[in-house]
């Protein structure tokens, strides 16, 4: 599971950087607490599926991009 959390954390940060927007702006656009997004980008916690979908919408990408273009792994979402 740690590998998935790290991968998503990296993608969260790189997708935000691609758009050139600060963390607080990304959090606002996706209606996510900025501290929670920061923790997710640092692989300190996971986001819920609806939060990932809102971020993907805010970033103009498909949610699977956070997982390398594959189906959203249940291990990330459900700790399995």
Protein backbone atom coordinates (compact mmCIF):
# COMPACT_ATOMS: atom_id res chain seq x y z
CA UNK A 1 0.00 0.00 0.00
CA UNK A 2 2.83 2.41 0.75
CA UNK A 3 3.91 2.32 -2.90
CA UNK A 4 0.44 3.38 -4.04
CA UNK A 5 0.24 6.19 -1.49
CA UNK A 6 3.68 7.45 -2.58
CA UNK A 7 2.73 7.29 -6.25
CA UNK A 8 -0.51 9.19 -5.71
CA UNK A 9 1.30 11.76 -3.56
CA UNK A 10 3.83 12.33 -6.32
CA UNK A 11 1.12 12.64 -8.96
CA UNK A 12 -0.93 15.04 -6.83
CA UNK A 13 2.05 17.36 -6.59
CA UNK A 14 3.18 17.02 -10.19
CA UNK A 15 -0.28 17.60 -11.62
CA UNK A 16 -0.68 20.73 -9.49
CA UNK A 17 2.79 21.92 -10.51
CA UNK A 18 1.93 21.29 -14.17
CA UNK A 19 -0.85 23.85 -13.82
CA UNK A 20 1.35 26.22 -11.85
CA UNK A 21 -1.16 26.78 -9.08
CA UNK A 22 -0.41 27.04 -5.37
CA UNK A 23 -1.65 24.38 -3.01
CA UNK A 24 -4.26 26.60 -1.39
CA UNK A 25 -5.75 27.43 -4.79
CA UNK A 26 -5.91 23.76 -5.77
CA UNK A 27 -7.59 22.96 -2.47
CA UNK A 28 -10.10 25.75 -2.97
CA UNK A 29 -10.95 24.62 -6.50
CA UNK A 30 -11.54 21.05 -5.31
CA UNK A 31 -13.26 22.03 -2.02
CA UNK A 32 -10.64 20.18 0.02
CA UNK A 33 -8.97 21.43 3.19
CA UNK A 34 -5.53 22.77 2.23
CA UNK A 35 -3.85 21.01 5.17
CA UNK A 36 -5.38 17.71 4.05
CA UNK A 37 -4.16 18.21 0.48
CA UNK A 38 -0.68 19.08 1.75
CA UNK A 39 -0.64 15.90 3.86
CA UNK A 40 -1.77 13.85 0.85
CA UNK A 41 0.96 15.37 -1.34
CA UNK A 42 3.47 14.40 1.34
CA UNK A 43 2.09 10.81 1.53
CA UNK A 44 1.06 11.38 5.15
CA UNK A 45 -2.58 10.51 4.50
CA UNK A 46 -4.88 9.39 1.70
CA UNK A 47 -7.75 11.23 0.11
CA UNK A 48 -11.23 9.85 -0.36
CA UNK A 49 -12.42 8.91 -3.83
CA UNK A 50 -14.73 11.92 -4.10
CA UNK A 51 -11.83 14.22 -3.16
CA UNK A 52 -9.61 12.66 -5.81
CA UNK A 53 -12.37 13.09 -8.39
CA UNK A 54 -12.82 16.76 -7.49
CA UNK A 55 -9.07 17.33 -7.78
CA UNK A 56 -8.98 15.54 -11.12
CA UNK A 57 -11.80 17.78 -12.34
CA UNK A 58 -9.99 20.87 -11.06
CA UNK A 59 -6.80 19.73 -12.82
CA UNK A 60 -8.59 18.81 -16.05
CA UNK A 61 -7.50 15.17 -15.95
CA UNK A 62 -9.08 11.75 -15.47
CA UNK A 63 -8.86 10.46 -11.91
CA UNK A 64 -6.90 7.43 -13.11
CA UNK A 65 -3.97 9.75 -13.88
CA UNK A 66 -3.20 9.79 -10.16
CA UNK A 67 -2.64 6.03 -10.43
CA UNK A 68 -0.53 5.96 -13.57
CA UNK A 69 -3.51 5.81 -15.91
CA UNK A 70 -4.80 2.55 -14.49
CA UNK A 71 -8.01 1.82 -12.66
CA UNK A 72 -8.20 3.46 -9.26
CA UNK A 73 -6.63 0.96 -6.84
CA UNK A 74 -8.88 -0.12 -4.01
CA UNK A 75 -5.81 -0.46 -1.78
CA UNK A 76 -5.35 3.30 -1.80
CA UNK A 77 -9.02 4.06 -1.27
CA UNK A 78 -9.87 1.38 1.24
CA UNK A 79 -6.56 0.46 2.82
CA UNK A 80 -6.82 -3.06 1.41
